[in-house]
């Protein structure tokens, strides 16, 4: 006797901006009934019910104050997010998309357990916890299988891999600049998880990044010793205009003016949430963007003009 096909979910709630982007890329925006306060892409999902909000007010805080408050809250075992349980009960989802990777980026296991106890019927839960680009593609394939969109997911993955192969071929044989990609400015954090792999594919070298692992604090003295030829400011979940402003917090650090990136005008702020911080479909154009930043004469950028800003580092 053959197994009966699983009924695709009709009411999806996303606890992750990256999962929200995947849902929409698969053509399922009409089934997305709940999102987080950070879900802002694609524009068509704006205005959907928000079921996850920050537990800490971050407006007006300096990067140092944000880091301190987040660290203190996590040390006390407190969540950074609040779930609207009443809203979730009304939405009655049959699929929840969440993660167990970074407590700073999105709700994780503890919040979900509390939410599930409040729901009238248990939904299916799909965990998306990628550490590298291949696992990002795997999350997309798994979501496609869970939603009856396997064919569309496979097509998106094939297209993404083909674009990455073109970048790899384009930068092959070119000099690989020393890069430092900064996921937080004060204190300084290196790039982690899938981002160092993106840098490598784009033809750069970031020995301070942690491939497949959490980003960590890096003493500024190590950055100065590494002497990056390209300095990329990509503070996590910070809009590009604020990332540009944060350059001022770095300019007074000892040795900054001596960095090759500063001397040669290769300091760049990027739209981190769009291309790097979220392990979703836009990591592929994120690699293309980095290849352009590392090799502007050889690799063009045909994406949005507000993806990055070259900073006056002199």
C-alpha atoms as a PDB file:
ATOM      1  CA  UNK A   1       0.000   0.000   0.000  1.00  0.00           C
ATOM      2  CA  UNK A   2       1.510   3.325  -1.039  1.00  0.00           C
ATOM      3  CA  UNK A   3       1.869   6.176   1.440  1.00  0.00           C
ATOM      4  CA  UNK A   4      -0.605   9.024   1.113  1.00  0.00           C
ATOM      5  CA  UNK A   5       0.932  12.349   0.064  1.00  0.00           C
ATOM      6  CA  UNK A   6       1.308  14.915   2.809  1.00  0.00           C
ATOM      7  CA  UNK A   7      -1.085  17.839   2.547  1.00  0.00           C
ATOM      8  CA  UNK A   8       0.911  21.044   1.959  1.00  0.00           C
ATOM      9  CA  UNK A   9       0.552  23.606   4.757  1.00  0.00           C
ATOM     10  CA  UNK A  10      -1.886  26.431   4.173  1.00  0.00           C
ATOM     11  CA  UNK A  11      -0.978  28.720   7.094  1.00  0.00           C
ATOM     12  CA  UNK A  12       2.738  29.367   7.529  1.00  0.00           C
ATOM     13  CA  UNK A  13       4.300  31.419  10.312  1.00  0.00           C
ATOM     14  CA  UNK A  14       7.943  32.451   9.959  1.00  0.00           C
ATOM     15  CA  UNK A  15      10.176  33.244  12.926  1.00  0.00           C
ATOM     16  CA  UNK A  16      13.034  34.036  10.512  1.00  0.00           C
ATOM     17  CA  UNK A  17      13.517  36.786   7.913  1.00  0.00           C
ATOM     18  CA  UNK A  18      15.553  34.329   5.824  1.00  0.00           C
ATOM     19  CA  UNK A  19      12.742  31.740   5.926  1.00  0.00           C
ATOM     20  CA  UNK A  20      10.250  34.440   4.966  1.00  0.00           C
ATOM     21  CA  UNK A  21      12.348  35.184   1.883  1.00  0.00           C
ATOM     22  CA  UNK A  22      12.491  31.482   1.014  1.00  0.00           C
ATOM     23  CA  UNK A  23       8.722  31.104   1.359  1.00  0.00           C
ATOM     24  CA  UNK A  24       8.173  33.985  -1.038  1.00  0.00           C
ATOM     25  CA  UNK A  25      10.835  32.759  -3.473  1.00  0.00           C
ATOM     26  CA  UNK A  26       8.858  29.510  -3.723  1.00  0.00           C
ATOM     27  CA  UNK A  27       5.704  31.425  -4.612  1.00  0.00           C
ATOM     28  CA  UNK A  28       4.004  30.869  -1.247  1.00  0.00           C
ATOM     29  CA  UNK A  29       3.577  34.444  -0.048  1.00  0.00           C
ATOM     30  CA  UNK A  30      -0.189  33.977   0.014  1.00  0.00           C
ATOM     31  CA  UNK A  31       0.214  31.246   2.672  1.00  0.00           C
ATOM     32  CA  UNK A  32       2.418  33.356   4.938  1.00  0.00           C
ATOM     33  CA  UNK A  33       0.123  34.478   7.747  1.00  0.00           C
ATOM     34  CA  UNK A  34       2.639  35.602  10.400  1.00  0.00           C
ATOM     35  CA  UNK A  35       6.125  37.122  10.366  1.00  0.00           C
ATOM     36  CA  UNK A  36       8.693  38.803  12.624  1.00  0.00           C
ATOM     37  CA  UNK A  37       9.325  42.500  13.153  1.00  0.00           C
ATOM     38  CA  UNK A  38      12.487  42.179  11.026  1.00  0.00           C
ATOM     39  CA  UNK A  39      10.813  40.611   7.981  1.00  0.00           C
ATOM     40  CA  UNK A  40      10.982  43.344   5.347  1.00  0.00           C
ATOM     41  CA  UNK A  41      11.641  41.505   2.100  1.00  0.00           C
ATOM     42  CA  UNK A  42      10.135  41.063  -0.368  1.00  0.00           C
ATOM     43  CA  UNK A  43       8.004  44.213  -0.034  1.00  0.00           C
ATOM     44  CA  UNK A  44       4.768  42.272  -0.613  1.00  0.00           C
ATOM     45  CA  UNK A  45       4.903  40.764   2.903  1.00  0.00           C
ATOM     46  CA  UNK A  46       4.895  44.090   4.699  1.00  0.00           C
ATOM     47  CA  UNK A  47       1.728  44.540   6.691  1.00  0.00           C
ATOM     48  CA  UNK A  48       1.365  40.857   7.591  1.00  0.00           C
ATOM     49  CA  UNK A  49       0.643  40.121  11.266  1.00  0.00           C
ATOM     50  CA  UNK A  50       3.810  40.383  13.370  1.00  0.00           C
ATOM     51  CA  UNK A  51       4.109  37.528  15.877  1.00  0.00           C
ATOM     52  CA  UNK A  52       7.693  38.099  17.071  1.00  0.00           C
ATOM     53  CA  UNK A  53       9.055  41.364  18.481  1.00  0.00           C
ATOM     54  CA  UNK A  54      12.257  42.311  20.341  1.00  0.00           C
ATOM     55  CA  UNK A  55      12.217  42.117  24.117  1.00  0.00           C
ATOM     56  CA  UNK A  56      14.794  44.912  24.302  1.00  0.00           C
ATOM     57  CA  UNK A  57      14.340  48.453  22.946  1.00  0.00           C
ATOM     58  CA  UNK A  58      17.348  49.050  20.690  1.00  0.00           C
ATOM     59  CA  UNK A  59      16.506  52.460  19.264  1.00  0.00           C
ATOM     60  CA  UNK A  60      19.053  55.137  20.080  1.00  0.00           C
ATOM     61  CA  UNK A  61      21.619  52.750  21.573  1.00  0.00           C
ATOM     62  CA  UNK A  62      25.246  52.776  20.480  1.00  0.00           C
ATOM     63  CA  UNK A  63      26.746  49.523  19.124  1.00  0.00           C
ATOM     64  CA  UNK A  64      28.623  49.106  22.422  1.00  0.00           C
ATOM     65  CA  UNK A  65      25.399  49.521  24.431  1.00  0.00           C
ATOM     66  CA  UNK A  66      23.558  47.036  22.213  1.00  0.00           C
ATOM     67  CA  UNK A  67      26.309  44.451  22.655  1.00  0.00           C
ATOM     68  CA  UNK A  68      26.374  44.970  26.428  1.00  0.00           C
ATOM     69  CA  UNK A  69      22.616  44.666  26.891  1.00  0.00           C
ATOM     70  CA  UNK A  70      22.347  41.634  24.629  1.00  0.00           C
ATOM     71  CA  UNK A  71      25.248  39.889  26.383  1.00  0.00           C
ATOM     72  CA  UNK A  72      23.807  40.611  29.826  1.00  0.00           C
ATOM     73  CA  UNK A  73      20.374  39.312  28.882  1.00  0.00           C
ATOM     74  CA  UNK A  74      21.762  36.111  27.393  1.00  0.00           C
ATOM     75  CA  UNK A  75      23.957  35.496  30.453  1.00  0.00           C
ATOM     76  CA  UNK A  76      20.825  35.714  32.607  1.00  0.00           C
ATOM     77  CA  UNK A  77      19.156  33.130  30.393  1.00  0.00           C
ATOM     78  CA  UNK A  78      16.571  35.629  29.165  1.00  0.00           C
ATOM     79  CA  UNK A  79      15.213  35.739  25.644  1.00  0.00           C
ATOM     80  CA  UNK A  80      15.798  38.600  23.242  1.00  0.00           C
ATOM     81  CA  UNK A  81      12.363  38.117  21.680  1.00  0.00           C
ATOM     82  CA  UNK A  82       8.707  38.118  22.672  1.00  0.00           C
ATOM     83  CA  UNK A  83       6.080  36.017  20.947  1.00  0.00           C
ATOM     84  CA  UNK A  84       2.515  37.290  20.611  1.00  0.00           C
ATOM     85  CA  UNK A  85       0.798  34.126  21.818  1.00  0.00           C
ATOM     86  CA  UNK A  86      -2.718  35.490  21.391  1.00  0.00           C
ATOM     87  CA  UNK A  87      -1.963  36.432  17.780  1.00  0.00           C
ATOM     88  CA  UNK A  88      -0.497  32.993  17.133  1.00  0.00           C
ATOM     89  CA  UNK A  89      -3.594  31.301  18.536  1.00  0.00           C
ATOM     90  CA  UNK A  90      -5.763  33.337  16.172  1.00  0.00           C
ATOM     91  CA  UNK A  91      -3.529  32.589  13.188  1.00  0.00           C
ATOM     92  CA  UNK A  92      -3.576  28.844  13.979  1.00  0.00           C
ATOM     93  CA  UNK A  93      -0.537  27.952  11.817  1.00  0.00           C
ATOM     94  CA  UNK A  94       0.031  24.460  10.457  1.00  0.00           C
ATOM     95  CA  UNK A  95       3.751  25.154   9.793  1.00  0.00           C
ATOM     96  CA  UNK A  96       6.207  27.220  11.842  1.00  0.00           C
ATOM     97  CA  UNK A  97       9.673  28.024  10.479  1.00  0.00           C
ATOM     98  CA  UNK A  98      12.340  28.655  13.102  1.00  0.00           C
ATOM     99  CA  UNK A  99      16.015  28.097  13.922  1.00  0.00           C
ATOM    100  CA  UNK A 100      18.361  27.004  16.654  1.00  0.00           C
ATOM    101  CA  UNK A 101      21.526  28.691  15.434  1.00  0.00           C
ATOM    102  CA  UNK A 102      21.855  32.154  16.951  1.00  0.00           C
ATOM    103  CA  UNK A 103      19.829  33.484  19.865  1.00  0.00           C
ATOM    104  CA  UNK A 104      20.684  37.021  18.784  1.00  0.00           C
ATOM    105  CA  UNK A 105      19.359  36.629  15.229  1.00  0.00           C
ATOM    106  CA  UNK A 106      15.974  35.044  15.931  1.00  0.00           C
ATOM    107  CA  UNK A 107      13.908  33.113  18.476  1.00  0.00           C
ATOM    108  CA  UNK A 108      15.176  29.616  19.160  1.00  0.00           C
ATOM    109  CA  UNK A 109      14.111  26.491  21.027  1.00  0.00           C
ATOM    110  CA  UNK A 110      13.028  28.019  24.339  1.00  0.00           C
ATOM    111  CA  UNK A 111      10.645  30.516  22.775  1.00  0.00           C
ATOM    112  CA  UNK A 112       9.176  27.882  20.474  1.00  0.00           C
ATOM    113  CA  UNK A 113       8.411  25.479  23.328  1.00  0.00           C
ATOM    114  CA  UNK A 114       6.400  28.166  25.057  1.00  0.00           C
ATOM    115  CA  UNK A 115       4.560  29.072  21.857  1.00  0.00           C
ATOM    116  CA  UNK A 116       3.605  25.463  21.107  1.00  0.00           C
ATOM    117  CA  UNK A 117       2.039  25.047  24.544  1.00  0.00           C
ATOM    118  CA  UNK A 118      -0.214  28.020  23.816  1.00  0.00           C
ATOM    119  CA  UNK A 119      -1.531  26.763  20.468  1.00  0.00           C
ATOM    120  CA  UNK A 120      -4.800  24.823  20.187  1.00  0.00           C
ATOM    121  CA  UNK A 121      -3.253  22.224  17.867  1.00  0.00           C
ATOM    122  CA  UNK A 122       0.411  21.395  17.296  1.00  0.00           C
ATOM    123  CA  UNK A 123       1.779  22.634  13.962  1.00  0.00           C
ATOM    124  CA  UNK A 124       4.624  21.090  12.050  1.00  0.00           C
ATOM    125  CA  UNK A 125       7.931  22.767  12.927  1.00  0.00           C
ATOM    126  CA  UNK A 126      10.712  23.095  10.379  1.00  0.00           C
ATOM    127  CA  UNK A 127      14.128  23.977  11.818  1.00  0.00           C
ATOM    128  CA  UNK A 128      16.470  25.948   9.572  1.00  0.00           C
ATOM    129  CA  UNK A 129      19.943  26.007  11.085  1.00  0.00           C
ATOM    130  CA  UNK A 130      22.524  26.331   8.285  1.00  0.00           C
ATOM    131  CA  UNK A 131      26.230  26.834   8.960  1.00  0.00           C
ATOM    132  CA  UNK A 132      27.428  27.087   5.347  1.00  0.00           C
ATOM    133  CA  UNK A 133      26.137  27.781   1.850  1.00  0.00           C
ATOM    134  CA  UNK A 134      25.399  24.153   1.029  1.00  0.00           C
ATOM    135  CA  UNK A 135      23.227  23.933   4.130  1.00  0.00           C
ATOM    136  CA  UNK A 136      21.454  27.143   3.092  1.00  0.00           C
ATOM    137  CA  UNK A 137      20.547  25.401  -0.167  1.00  0.00           C
ATOM    138  CA  UNK A 138      19.538  22.352   1.874  1.00  0.00           C
ATOM    139  CA  UNK A 139      17.115  24.460   3.917  1.00  0.00           C
ATOM    140  CA  UNK A 140      15.491  25.685   0.718  1.00  0.00           C
ATOM    141  CA  UNK A 141      15.117  22.123  -0.572  1.00  0.00           C
ATOM    142  CA  UNK A 142      13.660  20.969   2.738  1.00  0.00           C
ATOM    143  CA  UNK A 143      11.164  23.827   2.751  1.00  0.00           C
ATOM    144  CA  UNK A 144      10.188  22.952  -0.815  1.00  0.00           C
ATOM    145  CA  UNK A 145       9.548  19.363   0.204  1.00  0.00           C
ATOM    146  CA  UNK A 146       7.482  20.411   3.232  1.00  0.00           C
ATOM    147  CA  UNK A 147       5.301  22.772   1.186  1.00  0.00           C
ATOM    148  CA  UNK A 148       4.779  20.803  -2.021  1.00  0.00           C
ATOM    149  CA  UNK A 149       7.214  23.003  -3.921  1.00  0.00           C
ATOM    150  CA  UNK A 150      10.117  20.604  -4.416  1.00  0.00           C
ATOM    151  CA  UNK A 151      10.387  21.275  -8.149  1.00  0.00           C
ATOM    152  CA  UNK A 152      10.560  25.028  -7.622  1.00  0.00           C
ATOM    153  CA  UNK A 153      13.108  24.644  -4.806  1.00  0.00           C
ATOM    154  CA  UNK A 154      15.376  22.461  -6.938  1.00  0.00           C
ATOM    155  CA  UNK A 155      15.221  25.009  -9.752  1.00  0.00           C
ATOM    156  CA  UNK A 156      16.173  27.856  -7.396  1.00  0.00           C
ATOM    157  CA  UNK A 157      19.080  25.856  -5.979  1.00  0.00           C
ATOM    158  CA  UNK A 158      20.343  24.941  -9.443  1.00  0.00           C
ATOM    159  CA  UNK A 159      20.175  28.583 -10.521  1.00  0.00           C
ATOM    160  CA  UNK A 160      22.018  29.666  -7.370  1.00  0.00           C
ATOM    161  CA  UNK A 161      24.787  27.119  -7.812  1.00  0.00           C
ATOM    162  CA  UNK A 162      25.205  28.103 -11.452  1.00  0.00           C
ATOM    163  CA  UNK A 163      25.602  31.776 -10.480  1.00  0.00           C
ATOM    164  CA  UNK A 164      28.198  30.865  -7.854  1.00  0.00           C
ATOM    165  CA  UNK A 165      30.079  28.778 -10.422  1.00  0.00           C
ATOM    166  CA  UNK A 166      30.194  31.801 -12.734  1.00  0.00           C
ATOM    167  CA  UNK A 167      31.640  33.956  -9.956  1.00  0.00           C
ATOM    168  CA  UNK A 168      34.212  31.282  -9.131  1.00  0.00           C
ATOM    169  CA  UNK A 169      35.298  31.101 -12.775  1.00  0.00           C
ATOM    170  CA  UNK A 170      35.431  34.878 -13.112  1.00  0.00           C
ATOM    171  CA  UNK A 171      37.792  35.401 -10.153  1.00  0.00           C
ATOM    172  CA  UNK A 172      39.955  32.367 -10.833  1.00  0.00           C
ATOM    173  CA  UNK A 173      43.586  33.407 -11.220  1.00  0.00           C
ATOM    174  CA  UNK A 174      43.020  36.960  -9.963  1.00  0.00           C
ATOM    175  CA  UNK A 175      45.024  38.239  -6.974  1.00  0.00           C
ATOM    176  CA  UNK A 176      43.174  37.524  -3.727  1.00  0.00           C
ATOM    177  CA  UNK A 177      43.073  40.675  -1.560  1.00  0.00           C
ATOM    178  CA  UNK A 178      43.330  40.440   2.203  1.00  0.00           C
ATOM    179  CA  UNK A 179      39.837  41.139   3.540  1.00  0.00           C
ATOM    180  CA  UNK A 180      38.365  41.819   6.930  1.00  0.00           C
ATOM    181  CA  UNK A 181      34.596  41.648   7.116  1.00  0.00           C
ATOM    182  CA  UNK A 182      33.205  43.093  10.322  1.00  0.00           C
ATOM    183  CA  UNK A 183      29.883  41.778  11.683  1.00  0.00           C
ATOM    184  CA  UNK A 184      29.884  44.276  14.544  1.00  0.00           C
ATOM    185  CA  UNK A 185      31.817  47.492  15.071  1.00  0.00           C
ATOM    186  CA  UNK A 186      32.023  48.115  18.822  1.00  0.00           C
ATOM    187  CA  UNK A 187      33.263  45.701  20.001  1.00  0.00           C
ATOM    188  CA  UNK A 188      34.693  44.340  16.775  1.00  0.00           C
ATOM    189  CA  UNK A 189      33.368  40.950  15.636  1.00  0.00           C
ATOM    190  CA  UNK A 190      34.670  38.905  12.719  1.00  0.00           C
ATOM    191  CA  UNK A 191      32.494  37.199  10.097  1.00  0.00           C
ATOM    192  CA  UNK A 192      31.171  33.733  10.866  1.00  0.00           C
ATOM    193  CA  UNK A 193      29.168  30.783   9.534  1.00  0.00           C
ATOM    194  CA  UNK A 194      28.563  31.048   5.757  1.00  0.00           C
ATOM    195  CA  UNK A 195      30.079  34.524   5.273  1.00  0.00           C
ATOM    196  CA  UNK A 196      33.779  33.488   5.183  1.00  0.00           C
ATOM    197  CA  UNK A 197      32.825  30.974   2.507  1.00  0.00           C
ATOM    198  CA  UNK A 198      31.170  33.771   0.547  1.00  0.00           C
ATOM    199  CA  UNK A 199      34.377  35.804   0.811  1.00  0.00           C
ATOM    200  CA  UNK A 200      36.428  32.867  -0.434  1.00  0.00           C
ATOM    201  CA  UNK A 201      34.124  32.241  -3.406  1.00  0.00           C
ATOM    202  CA  UNK A 202      34.298  35.931  -4.307  1.00  0.00           C
ATOM    203  CA  UNK A 203      38.071  35.825  -4.574  1.00  0.00           C
ATOM    204  CA  UNK A 204      39.093  37.303  -1.222  1.00  0.00           C
ATOM    205  CA  UNK A 205      40.935  36.015   1.846  1.00  0.00           C
ATOM    206  CA  UNK A 206      39.755  36.693   5.406  1.00  0.00           C
ATOM    207  CA  UNK A 207      41.933  34.791   7.864  1.00  0.00           C
ATOM    208  CA  UNK A 208      40.164  36.394  10.815  1.00  0.00           C
ATOM    209  CA  UNK A 209      36.755  34.977   9.825  1.00  0.00           C
ATOM    210  CA  UNK A 210      35.423  31.728  11.269  1.00  0.00           C
ATOM    211  CA  UNK A 211      34.072  29.493   8.527  1.00  0.00           C
ATOM    212  CA  UNK A 212      31.086  27.462   9.718  1.00  0.00           C
ATOM    213  CA  UNK A 213      31.323  28.813  13.282  1.00  0.00           C
ATOM    214  CA  UNK A 214      29.962  31.690  15.357  1.00  0.00           C
ATOM    215  CA  UNK A 215      31.477  35.116  14.860  1.00  0.00           C
ATOM    216  CA  UNK A 216      33.565  36.219  17.847  1.00  0.00           C
ATOM    217  CA  UNK A 217      35.194  39.353  19.199  1.00  0.00           C
ATOM    218  CA  UNK A 218      38.514  40.188  17.563  1.00  0.00           C
ATOM    219  CA  UNK A 219      41.055  42.521  19.184  1.00  0.00           C
ATOM    220  CA  UNK A 220      41.634  45.527  16.950  1.00  0.00           C
ATOM    221  CA  UNK A 221      45.368  44.832  17.166  1.00  0.00           C
ATOM    222  CA  UNK A 222      44.785  41.592  15.238  1.00  0.00           C
ATOM    223  CA  UNK A 223      42.970  43.487  12.502  1.00  0.00           C
ATOM    224  CA  UNK A 224      45.878  45.922  12.241  1.00  0.00           C
ATOM    225  CA  UNK A 225      48.353  43.020  12.018  1.00  0.00           C
ATOM    226  CA  UNK A 226      46.277  41.360   9.302  1.00  0.00           C
ATOM    227  CA  UNK A 227      46.430  44.659   7.344  1.00  0.00           C
ATOM    228  CA  UNK A 228      43.310  44.148   5.215  1.00  0.00           C
ATOM    229  CA  UNK A 229      43.334  45.541   1.712  1.00  0.00           C
ATOM    230  CA  UNK A 230      39.518  45.611   1.722  1.00  0.00           C
ATOM    231  CA  UNK A 231      37.598  46.486   4.887  1.00  0.00           C
ATOM    232  CA  UNK A 232      33.887  45.605   4.779  1.00  0.00           C
ATOM    233  CA  UNK A 233      31.510  46.964   7.411  1.00  0.00           C
ATOM    234  CA  UNK A 234      28.557  44.587   7.674  1.00  0.00           C
ATOM    235  CA  UNK A 235      27.066  45.067  11.158  1.00  0.00           C
ATOM    236  CA  UNK A 236      24.382  42.431  11.650  1.00  0.00           C
ATOM    237  CA  UNK A 237      20.788  43.648  11.143  1.00  0.00           C
ATOM    238  CA  UNK A 238      21.925  47.285  10.859  1.00  0.00           C
ATOM    239  CA  UNK A 239      20.524  49.303   7.913  1.00  0.00           C
ATOM    240  CA  UNK A 240      23.079  50.604   5.447  1.00  0.00           C
ATOM    241  CA  UNK A 241      22.830  54.294   6.486  1.00  0.00           C
ATOM    242  CA  UNK A 242      23.594  53.341  10.095  1.00  0.00           C
ATOM    243  CA  UNK A 243      26.450  51.101   8.988  1.00  0.00           C
ATOM    244  CA  UNK A 244      27.923  54.106   7.173  1.00  0.00           C
ATOM    245  CA  UNK A 245      27.642  56.193  10.342  1.00  0.00           C
ATOM    246  CA  UNK A 246      29.444  53.538  12.368  1.00  0.00           C
ATOM    247  CA  UNK A 247      32.621  54.064  10.330  1.00  0.00           C
ATOM    248  CA  UNK A 248      33.227  57.101  12.533  1.00  0.00           C
ATOM    249  CA  UNK A 249      33.566  54.776  15.551  1.00  0.00           C
ATOM    250  CA  UNK A 250      36.502  53.045  13.874  1.00  0.00           C
ATOM    251  CA  UNK A 251      38.433  55.985  12.512  1.00  0.00           C
ATOM    252  CA  UNK A 252      39.944  56.925  15.859  1.00  0.00           C
ATOM    253  CA  UNK A 253      41.284  53.463  16.662  1.00  0.00           C
ATOM    254  CA  UNK A 254      45.091  53.149  16.756  1.00  0.00           C
ATOM    255  CA  UNK A 255      46.534  52.039  13.441  1.00  0.00           C
ATOM    256  CA  UNK A 256      43.373  52.608  11.394  1.00  0.00           C
ATOM    257  CA  UNK A 257      44.982  55.196   9.120  1.00  0.00           C
ATOM    258  CA  UNK A 258      47.798  52.767   8.316  1.00  0.00           C
ATOM    259  CA  UNK A 259      45.535  49.988   7.032  1.00  0.00           C
ATOM    260  CA  UNK A 260      46.002  49.392   3.279  1.00  0.00           C
ATOM    261  CA  UNK A 261      42.201  49.461   2.866  1.00  0.00           C
ATOM    262  CA  UNK A 262      42.085  52.953   4.341  1.00  0.00           C
ATOM    263  CA  UNK A 263      45.071  54.269   2.387  1.00  0.00           C
ATOM    264  CA  UNK A 264      43.677  52.922  -0.900  1.00  0.00           C
ATOM    265  CA  UNK A 265      40.025  53.909  -0.394  1.00  0.00           C
ATOM    266  CA  UNK A 266      38.785  50.330  -0.067  1.00  0.00           C
ATOM    267  CA  UNK A 267      36.524  50.731   2.981  1.00  0.00           C
ATOM    268  CA  UNK A 268      32.957  49.710   2.164  1.00  0.00           C
ATOM    269  CA  UNK A 269      29.691  49.527   4.114  1.00  0.00           C
ATOM    270  CA  UNK A 270      27.194  46.946   2.864  1.00  0.00           C
ATOM    271  CA  UNK A 271      23.522  46.152   3.346  1.00  0.00           C
ATOM    272  CA  UNK A 272      24.162  43.243   5.664  1.00  0.00           C
ATOM    273  CA  UNK A 273      20.569  42.114   6.183  1.00  0.00           C
ATOM    274  CA  UNK A 274      19.992  41.947   2.446  1.00  0.00           C
ATOM    275  CA  UNK A 275      23.023  39.901   1.412  1.00  0.00           C
ATOM    276  CA  UNK A 276      24.958  38.471   4.354  1.00  0.00           C
ATOM    277  CA  UNK A 277      23.263  38.206   7.748  1.00  0.00           C
ATOM    278  CA  UNK A 278      20.276  36.203   6.514  1.00  0.00           C
ATOM    279  CA  UNK A 279      20.954  32.686   5.164  1.00  0.00           C
ATOM    280  CA  UNK A 280      18.390  32.920   2.401  1.00  0.00           C
ATOM    281  CA  UNK A 281      18.235  33.238  -1.391  1.00  0.00           C
ATOM    282  CA  UNK A 282      20.058  36.588  -1.448  1.00  0.00           C
ATOM    283  CA  UNK A 283      23.376  35.119  -0.282  1.00  0.00           C
ATOM    284  CA  UNK A 284      23.965  34.318  -3.957  1.00  0.00           C
ATOM    285  CA  UNK A 285      23.909  37.976  -5.083  1.00  0.00           C
ATOM    286  CA  UNK A 286      25.866  38.632  -1.873  1.00  0.00           C
ATOM    287  CA  UNK A 287      28.762  36.613  -3.313  1.00  0.00           C
ATOM    288  CA  UNK A 288      28.446  38.523  -6.586  1.00  0.00           C
ATOM    289  CA  UNK A 289      28.555  41.791  -4.652  1.00  0.00           C
ATOM    290  CA  UNK A 290      31.707  40.792  -2.784  1.00  0.00           C
ATOM    291  CA  UNK A 291      33.385  39.739  -6.032  1.00  0.00           C
ATOM    292  CA  UNK A 292      32.683  43.220  -7.400  1.00  0.00           C
ATOM    293  CA  UNK A 293      34.036  44.878  -4.248  1.00  0.00           C
ATOM    294  CA  UNK A 294      37.219  42.783  -4.337  1.00  0.00           C
ATOM    295  CA  UNK A 295      37.698  42.980  -8.122  1.00  0.00           C
ATOM    296  CA  UNK A 296      35.765  46.053  -9.359  1.00  0.00           C
ATOM    297  CA  UNK A 297      37.622  46.188 -12.655  1.00  0.00           C
ATOM    298  CA  UNK A 298      36.849  42.586 -13.576  1.00  0.00           C
ATOM    299  CA  UNK A 299      33.478  41.842 -11.963  1.00  0.00           C
ATOM    300  CA  UNK A 300      30.526  44.205 -12.548  1.00  0.00           C
ATOM    301  CA  UNK A 301      27.650  44.741 -10.136  1.00  0.00           C
ATOM    302  CA  UNK A 302      24.228  44.836 -11.752  1.00  0.00           C
ATOM    303  CA  UNK A 303      22.243  44.734  -8.520  1.00  0.00           C
ATOM    304  CA  UNK A 304      20.579  47.535  -6.534  1.00  0.00           C
ATOM    305  CA  UNK A 305      22.586  50.729  -6.180  1.00  0.00           C
ATOM    306  CA  UNK A 306      21.851  50.869  -2.451  1.00  0.00           C
ATOM    307  CA  UNK A 307      23.603  47.554  -1.767  1.00  0.00           C
ATOM    308  CA  UNK A 308      26.831  49.241  -0.654  1.00  0.00           C
ATOM    309  CA  UNK A 309      28.548  52.562  -0.064  1.00  0.00           C
ATOM    310  CA  UNK A 310      32.246  53.229  -0.552  1.00  0.00           C
ATOM    311  CA  UNK A 311      33.412  55.312   2.381  1.00  0.00           C
ATOM    312  CA  UNK A 312      35.783  58.232   2.376  1.00  0.00           C
ATOM    313  CA  UNK A 313      38.423  56.631   4.559  1.00  0.00           C
ATOM    314  CA  UNK A 314      41.049  59.374   4.298  1.00  0.00           C
END
